[in-house]
Each structure stands twice: as C-alpha cells, then as structure tokens.
Amino acid sequence: MIWPLIAGLILLALGGELLVRGSVGLARRLGVSPLLAGLVIVGFGTSTPELSTSVQAALAGSPGIAIGNVVGSNIANILFILGLSALVLPLAVNRAAFRRDALALGGSTLLCAAAILFGSLGRLSGALLVACLFAYVIWAYRAERAATDPEGQRHEAEAADTTPAIAAALPLALMVVAGLAAAIFGAGLLVDAAIVLAGNLGVSQSVIGLTVVAVGTSLPELIACLVAVARKHADVALGNIVGSNIYNVLGILGVTALIEPLSVPPEIAQFDIWVLLGVTALLLAQLRSGWTVSRAEGGLLLTLFIGYTAFLILR
C-alpha cells in the first residue's frame, strides 16, 4: 500500500515539473510571450497533479478525495508552502502587484465555498467555475498586455524560472508527453492507494484527500516556490501560490464537476471549507498589513498547518 502511494506522489511531482518546463520551452520556440507563458502555462501546468488526481478520484466514486484534494491543496499552499517559503526568505511584495490577483483569490474562494455549501457540485456549477477561470485569464492578460506593470513582470519571471536549458523542439515535446503520462499514471496510483489507506486506517476518504493527497499534489508548487526563493524572487513565490489557488478552485474543481458531478462530504462543508476561507482571509490580511509575509508570519502559518493536520488525524 505504501509503495504505490509513494510512487504515485513521485510520478505526480515529476510529471508536473516535466510538463511545465517542456510547455514553457515549446511556447518560447513558438514565439509565445513570457507574459502569456507565465500566466497560463505555468499556472495550469503546476495544477496538473491536482487535476489528474481529482478527476480520477471522481470517476472512481470518491468525492471525498476529489474535493478534499482541492480544498486541502489550497490550505497546504498557504499554510505549509507559503509559510516555509517565508521562513527561508521574507516575502516582500509591491503593493500594486497583487491587488487584482488578491481580489480574484478572494472571489474564487468565496465562489468555491458557495458551491460546496450548496451540498453538491453539478455540471452547471462546474461550467460556472470554468467560465470564471477563463474570464480571469482574459482579464489578466489584457490588463498586463496594455501596460507593463508589476503583475506582468511577475508572470514573466515565473516563465523565466521554469524555462529549460533544452532548446530543440523534439526533446521539449517529449518532455510534455512524458509529463502528462507520468501525471496521469501517478494520479491513478495515488487515488487507488489513498482509497486503500483510508479503509485500512478506518478514516474517511476526505481526511486522506485533505492531508496525504493534498500535500502530495502540491509538490510542484513547493518546488516552484523554493526555486523562486533561492533566486530571491519573493514575488514569484507568492504569485505562484495565489495563482495556483485560483486555478485549483476554478479550474480543477470546475473541470472535475463537468466530467463527473460530485456530492460534497458533510465534514468538508461543515469544517474544512471554513478553514480555507479563514486561511485565505489571513493571507490577504498579512499582505495588506505591511505588504509582506515575514518570518514570524511564516512561522505562524506553519504552526497553523501542523495544528490543522493534527486535528484532521484526531477527528
């Protein structure tokens, strides 16, 4: 049981990394702007593990894993990955740079909460979430193309951080194919192992989705943030988390519901979605207060993550 779980996590992380780097490299060869590559390709690419896992979990009749993966990934992105990144390098941000994306993050999280509190996610809800994602991408691209601003520079930096050294088209295309294959196969292994793990431990699939699966599928975001922090790109690290959370709730949850309607597990609606709303509000408050995430605030985020995870296990 444990080895398929580990293998699935490794394949998801490897697949997401190969897919992002190969796609960005091909985009450069095709003349796609760094702005568009950073905004769309990197954003979608780092969310591939979550998409593969949630779709396969939904098709396997495990909505607790499918929804828990998205909600748990967003919680882990803020509390664990952002907290760890801030401990390594305080994340100071230009106050104009995140105004639009912060608004989109808050709005998308509220929309996700409304859909979950409704009790089920049908194809109509999925279509609405996906439509909002497309509207956000078009809005962001047009705004950044119209004028060079901190947002555009950040998305271009995201693309630069993930551009591979390889320049030939064939190896880049093979990286994309290998990344997709690894992500899909890894997601299958992870979902099957997660279902077995939940049964063996006597816990709900939602708990496994919110913890093991959620943290595992967030590995590409963790890698991207640590690379950005190592290169002193604090704004890229923070932007990666903000963008990933927007893509997760609008894109991953939306596409999953379009493919397979989901019933919401009661424990997620009663507790975990409120945790997501709370930690999102906390992040926005930290950004607004001094426009930075300090080491002390990073430590607070990590402490909250440990406490939340312990509560889930005990629950």
Protein backbone atom coordinates (compact mmCIF):
# COMPACT_ATOMS: atom_id res chain seq x y z
CA MET A 1 0.00 0.00 0.00
CA ILE A 2 2.72 2.46 0.99
CA TRP A 3 4.87 1.91 -2.09
CA PRO A 4 2.13 2.66 -4.66
CA LEU A 5 1.36 5.79 -2.63
CA ILE A 6 4.99 6.94 -2.70
CA ALA A 7 5.35 6.02 -6.38
CA GLY A 8 2.21 7.99 -7.21
CA LEU A 9 3.47 11.08 -5.39
CA ILE A 10 6.87 10.89 -7.11
CA LEU A 11 5.31 10.47 -10.55
CA LEU A 12 2.94 13.39 -9.94
CA ALA A 13 5.78 15.69 -8.88
CA LEU A 14 7.99 14.58 -11.78
CA GLY A 15 5.14 14.78 -14.27
CA GLY A 16 4.14 18.28 -13.21
CA GLU A 17 7.73 19.51 -13.43
CA LEU A 18 8.34 17.96 -16.87
CA LEU A 19 5.05 19.27 -18.21
CA VAL A 20 5.66 22.85 -17.05
CA ARG A 21 9.24 23.03 -18.28
CA GLY A 22 8.51 21.33 -21.61
CA SER A 23 5.44 23.50 -22.26
CA VAL A 24 7.26 26.75 -21.42
CA GLY A 25 10.17 25.72 -23.68
CA LEU A 26 7.83 24.95 -26.58
CA ALA A 27 5.99 28.21 -26.00
CA ARG A 28 9.27 30.10 -26.28
CA ARG A 29 10.10 28.32 -29.55
CA LEU A 30 6.65 29.15 -30.92
CA GLY A 31 7.06 32.81 -30.04
CA VAL A 32 4.54 32.87 -27.17
CA SER A 33 5.23 35.84 -24.92
CA PRO A 34 6.79 35.21 -21.50
CA LEU A 35 3.78 37.01 -20.02
CA LEU A 36 1.27 34.56 -21.51
CA ALA A 37 3.52 31.59 -20.75
CA GLY A 38 3.78 32.57 -17.10
CA LEU A 39 0.11 33.40 -16.70
CA VAL A 40 -1.41 30.40 -18.48
CA ILE A 41 1.15 27.62 -19.00
CA VAL A 42 2.89 27.77 -15.63
CA GLY A 43 -0.42 28.29 -13.83
CA PHE A 44 -2.16 25.36 -15.48
CA GLY A 45 0.96 23.19 -15.50
CA THR A 46 1.63 23.29 -11.77
CA SER A 47 -2.03 22.37 -11.18
CA THR A 48 -1.85 19.24 -13.39
CA PRO A 49 -1.32 16.83 -10.46
CA GLU A 50 -4.42 18.18 -8.71
CA LEU A 51 -6.46 17.91 -11.92
CA SER A 52 -5.38 14.34 -12.70
CA THR A 53 -5.99 13.22 -9.13
CA SER A 54 -9.38 14.89 -8.65
CA VAL A 55 -10.75 13.69 -11.99
CA GLN A 56 -9.65 10.10 -11.40
CA ALA A 57 -10.97 10.16 -7.84
CA ALA A 58 -14.34 11.47 -9.07
CA LEU A 59 -14.54 8.76 -11.73
CA ALA A 60 -13.66 6.18 -9.07
CA GLY A 61 -16.62 7.31 -6.96
CA SER A 62 -14.51 9.00 -4.27
CA PRO A 63 -15.76 12.62 -3.98
CA GLY A 64 -14.06 12.96 -0.58
CA ILE A 65 -10.67 12.59 -2.26
CA ALA A 66 -11.65 14.69 -5.29
CA ILE A 67 -12.95 17.68 -3.30
CA GLY A 68 -10.62 17.19 -0.34
CA ASN A 69 -7.67 17.31 -2.72
CA VAL A 70 -8.61 20.79 -3.95
CA VAL A 71 -9.58 22.24 -0.56
CA GLY A 72 -6.62 20.61 1.18
CA SER A 73 -4.16 21.68 -1.54
CA ASN A 74 -5.20 25.31 -1.20
CA ILE A 75 -4.87 25.14 2.59
CA ALA A 76 -1.45 23.46 2.27
CA ASN A 77 -0.34 26.02 -0.32
CA ILE A 78 -0.96 28.89 2.09
CA LEU A 79 -0.07 27.37 5.46
CA PHE A 80 2.69 24.93 4.53
CA ILE A 81 4.35 26.06 1.30
CA LEU A 82 3.99 29.80 1.78
CA GLY A 83 4.87 29.50 5.46
CA LEU A 84 8.02 27.51 4.65
CA SER A 85 9.00 29.95 1.89
CA ALA A 86 8.57 32.95 4.22
CA LEU A 87 10.79 31.28 6.82
CA VAL A 88 13.56 30.99 4.23
CA LEU A 89 13.03 34.45 2.71
CA PRO A 90 10.56 37.10 3.93
CA LEU A 91 8.14 37.70 1.07
CA ALA A 92 8.02 41.44 0.46
CA VAL A 93 5.61 42.40 -2.33
CA ASN A 94 4.95 45.52 -4.32
CA ARG A 95 1.55 46.70 -3.08
CA ALA A 96 0.28 47.29 -6.61
CA ALA A 97 1.36 43.88 -7.83
CA PHE A 98 -1.22 41.70 -6.10
CA ARG A 99 -4.31 43.85 -5.99
CA ARG A 100 -6.02 42.18 -8.91
CA ASP A 101 -4.93 38.63 -8.09
CA ALA A 102 -5.81 39.10 -4.42
CA LEU A 103 -9.30 40.15 -5.47
CA ALA A 104 -9.51 37.11 -7.77
CA LEU A 105 -8.26 34.83 -4.99
CA GLY A 106 -10.83 36.09 -2.50
CA GLY A 107 -13.65 35.96 -5.04
CA SER A 108 -12.80 32.48 -6.31
CA THR A 109 -12.53 31.11 -2.77
CA LEU A 110 -15.95 32.56 -1.87
CA LEU A 111 -17.42 31.06 -5.05
CA CYS A 112 -15.89 27.68 -4.20
CA ALA A 113 -17.32 27.88 -0.67
CA ALA A 114 -20.78 28.70 -2.01
CA ALA A 115 -20.67 25.70 -4.36
CA ILE A 116 -19.54 23.35 -1.58
CA LEU A 117 -22.07 24.64 0.95
CA PHE A 118 -24.80 24.00 -1.64
CA GLY A 119 -24.12 20.30 -1.00
CA SER A 120 -23.25 19.12 -4.47
CA LEU A 121 -21.23 20.17 -7.48
CA GLY A 122 -23.08 19.51 -10.71
CA ARG A 123 -22.13 20.24 -14.29
CA LEU A 124 -23.78 23.66 -14.12
CA SER A 125 -21.61 24.63 -11.13
CA GLY A 126 -18.56 23.23 -12.90
CA ALA A 127 -19.32 25.25 -16.03
CA LEU A 128 -19.68 28.42 -13.95
CA LEU A 129 -16.33 27.87 -12.23
CA VAL A 130 -14.53 27.18 -15.52
CA ALA A 131 -16.15 30.23 -17.14
CA CYS A 132 -14.90 32.38 -14.26
CA LEU A 133 -11.40 30.99 -14.77
CA PHE A 134 -11.41 31.89 -18.47
CA ALA A 135 -12.73 35.35 -17.63
CA TYR A 136 -9.92 35.83 -15.09
CA VAL A 137 -7.20 34.73 -17.55
CA ILE A 138 -8.54 37.03 -20.30
CA TRP A 139 -8.85 39.92 -17.85
CA ALA A 140 -5.35 39.39 -16.50
CA TYR A 141 -3.74 39.05 -19.93
CA ARG A 142 -5.43 42.11 -21.41
CA ALA A 143 -4.59 44.23 -18.37
CA GLU A 144 -0.94 43.20 -18.38
CA ARG A 145 -0.54 43.47 -22.13
CA ALA A 146 -1.94 47.00 -22.09
CA ALA A 147 0.77 48.28 -19.77
CA THR A 148 3.96 46.98 -18.24
CA ASP A 149 3.14 46.59 -14.56
CA PRO A 150 4.37 44.55 -11.62
CA GLU A 151 1.84 41.81 -12.36
CA GLY A 152 3.14 41.34 -15.89
CA GLN A 153 6.74 41.33 -14.71
CA ARG A 154 5.90 38.69 -12.13
CA HIS A 155 4.27 36.36 -14.65
CA GLU A 156 7.24 36.80 -16.99
CA ALA A 157 9.57 35.92 -14.11
CA GLU A 158 7.54 32.77 -13.45
CA ALA A 159 8.09 31.69 -17.05
CA ALA A 160 11.81 32.51 -16.84
CA ASP A 161 12.21 30.42 -13.70
CA THR A 162 10.75 27.36 -15.42
CA THR A 163 12.39 27.67 -18.85
CA PRO A 164 14.56 24.57 -19.51
CA ALA A 165 18.07 24.69 -20.91
CA ILE A 166 16.98 22.45 -23.80
CA ALA A 167 16.03 24.38 -26.93
CA ALA A 168 15.26 21.67 -29.52
CA ALA A 169 11.57 21.12 -30.25
CA LEU A 170 11.56 17.30 -30.18
CA PRO A 171 13.06 16.88 -26.69
CA LEU A 172 10.70 19.58 -25.39
CA ALA A 173 7.71 17.79 -26.93
CA LEU A 174 8.86 14.53 -25.37
CA MET A 175 9.08 16.28 -22.00
CA VAL A 176 5.44 17.37 -22.35
CA VAL A 177 4.25 13.88 -23.32
CA ALA A 178 6.28 12.23 -20.56
CA GLY A 179 5.00 14.76 -18.04
CA LEU A 180 1.36 14.12 -18.96
CA ALA A 181 1.85 10.35 -18.88
CA ALA A 182 3.60 10.48 -15.50
CA ALA A 183 0.92 12.75 -14.02
CA ILE A 184 -1.98 10.59 -15.23
CA PHE A 185 -0.37 7.27 -14.20
CA GLY A 186 0.82 8.72 -10.90
CA ALA A 187 -2.65 10.07 -10.13
CA GLY A 188 -4.13 6.62 -10.70
CA LEU A 189 -1.66 5.04 -8.31
CA LEU A 190 -2.23 7.76 -5.72
CA VAL A 191 -6.02 7.53 -5.81
CA ASP A 192 -6.05 3.73 -5.56
CA ALA A 193 -3.54 3.79 -2.69
CA ALA A 194 -5.45 6.58 -0.92
CA ILE A 195 -8.71 4.60 -1.02
CA VAL A 196 -6.97 1.54 0.43
CA LEU A 197 -5.19 3.67 3.04
CA ALA A 198 -8.43 5.23 4.22
CA GLY A 199 -10.00 1.79 4.62
CA ASN A 200 -7.01 0.33 6.46
CA LEU A 201 -6.77 3.27 8.87
CA GLY A 202 -10.50 3.44 9.45
CA VAL A 203 -10.71 7.12 8.48
CA SER A 204 -12.83 8.85 5.86
CA GLN A 205 -11.55 9.35 2.34
CA SER A 206 -11.99 13.09 2.93
CA VAL A 207 -9.27 13.04 5.61
CA ILE A 208 -6.85 11.26 3.27
CA GLY A 209 -7.76 13.69 0.47
CA LEU A 210 -7.23 16.71 2.72
CA THR A 211 -3.84 15.51 4.00
CA VAL A 212 -1.76 12.93 2.12
CA VAL A 213 -3.26 13.54 -1.32
CA ALA A 214 -3.46 17.33 -0.96
CA VAL A 215 0.14 17.76 0.18
CA GLY A 216 1.37 15.28 -2.41
CA THR A 217 -0.29 17.02 -5.34
CA SER A 218 1.10 20.36 -4.10
CA LEU A 219 4.70 19.22 -4.62
CA PRO A 220 5.08 21.15 -7.94
CA GLU A 221 4.07 24.36 -6.14
CA LEU A 222 6.56 23.57 -3.36
CA ILE A 223 9.36 23.06 -5.88
CA ALA A 224 8.42 26.22 -7.81
CA CYS A 225 8.35 28.32 -4.63
CA LEU A 226 11.67 27.01 -3.31
CA VAL A 227 13.31 27.70 -6.69
CA ALA A 228 11.88 31.24 -6.68
CA VAL A 229 13.04 31.85 -3.09
CA ALA A 230 16.52 30.53 -3.90
CA ARG A 231 16.69 33.05 -6.76
CA LYS A 232 15.43 35.86 -4.48
CA HIS A 233 12.18 36.13 -6.44
CA ALA A 234 9.86 36.60 -3.46
CA ASP A 235 7.06 37.97 -5.61
CA VAL A 236 7.19 34.90 -7.88
CA ALA A 237 6.90 32.55 -4.89
CA LEU A 238 3.85 34.38 -3.55
CA GLY A 239 2.33 34.78 -7.00
CA ASN A 240 2.73 31.06 -7.64
CA ILE A 241 0.61 30.25 -4.57
CA VAL A 242 -2.02 32.88 -5.32
CA GLY A 243 -2.29 31.76 -8.94
CA SER A 244 -2.33 28.06 -8.04
CA ASN A 245 -5.17 28.54 -5.57
CA ILE A 246 -7.22 30.42 -8.16
CA TYR A 247 -6.63 27.68 -10.74
CA ASN A 248 -7.43 24.94 -8.23
CA VAL A 249 -10.86 26.16 -7.16
CA LEU A 250 -11.99 27.45 -10.55
CA GLY A 251 -10.21 25.08 -12.94
CA ILE A 252 -9.64 21.81 -11.11
CA LEU A 253 -12.93 21.73 -9.22
CA GLY A 254 -14.78 23.10 -12.25
CA VAL A 255 -13.40 20.61 -14.78
CA THR A 256 -13.86 17.72 -12.35
CA ALA A 257 -17.52 18.62 -11.79
CA LEU A 258 -18.04 18.95 -15.56
CA ILE A 259 -16.70 15.44 -16.08
CA GLU A 260 -18.34 13.81 -13.04
CA PRO A 261 -20.81 15.60 -10.73
CA LEU A 262 -19.79 15.43 -7.09
CA SER A 263 -21.63 15.13 -3.80
CA VAL A 264 -19.91 17.10 -1.04
CA PRO A 265 -18.88 15.12 2.07
CA PRO A 266 -20.55 16.69 5.14
CA GLU A 267 -17.28 17.10 7.08
CA ILE A 268 -15.77 19.27 4.35
CA ALA A 269 -18.84 21.51 4.19
CA GLN A 270 -19.06 21.76 7.97
CA PHE A 271 -15.41 22.47 8.77
CA ASP A 272 -12.69 22.35 6.12
CA ILE A 273 -14.17 24.88 3.71
CA TRP A 274 -14.36 27.34 6.63
CA VAL A 275 -10.68 26.68 7.33
CA LEU A 276 -9.91 27.52 3.70
CA LEU A 277 -11.90 30.75 3.94
CA GLY A 278 -10.10 31.62 7.18
CA VAL A 279 -6.55 31.00 5.97
CA THR A 280 -7.26 32.86 2.71
CA ALA A 281 -8.51 35.85 4.72
CA LEU A 282 -5.42 35.58 6.95
CA LEU A 283 -3.10 35.65 3.92
CA LEU A 284 -4.84 38.69 2.44
CA ALA A 285 -4.65 40.43 5.82
CA GLN A 286 -0.92 39.70 6.08
CA LEU A 287 -0.34 41.12 2.61
CA ARG A 288 -2.37 44.21 3.37
CA SER A 289 -0.54 44.77 6.66
CA GLY A 290 2.89 45.94 5.55
CA TRP A 291 2.64 44.17 2.16
CA THR A 292 4.92 41.38 3.31
CA VAL A 293 4.92 37.91 4.82
CA SER A 294 7.63 38.00 7.47
CA ARG A 295 9.49 35.06 9.00
CA ALA A 296 7.33 35.35 12.11
CA GLU A 297 4.18 35.23 9.99
CA GLY A 298 5.62 32.28 8.06
CA GLY A 299 6.18 30.50 11.37
CA LEU A 300 2.57 31.21 12.34
CA LEU A 301 1.33 29.73 9.05
CA LEU A 302 3.38 26.56 9.57
CA THR A 303 2.16 26.22 13.16
CA LEU A 304 -1.45 26.51 11.99
CA PHE A 305 -0.80 23.84 9.34
CA ILE A 306 0.58 21.43 11.94
CA GLY A 307 -2.41 22.09 14.21
CA TYR A 308 -4.92 21.64 11.36
CA THR A 309 -3.31 18.40 10.23
CA ALA A 310 -3.27 17.04 13.80
CA PHE A 311 -6.94 17.93 14.19
CA LEU A 312 -7.82 16.07 10.97
CA ILE A 313 -5.99 12.96 12.13
CA LEU A 314 -7.66 13.03 15.55
CA ARG A 315 -11.06 13.77 14.02
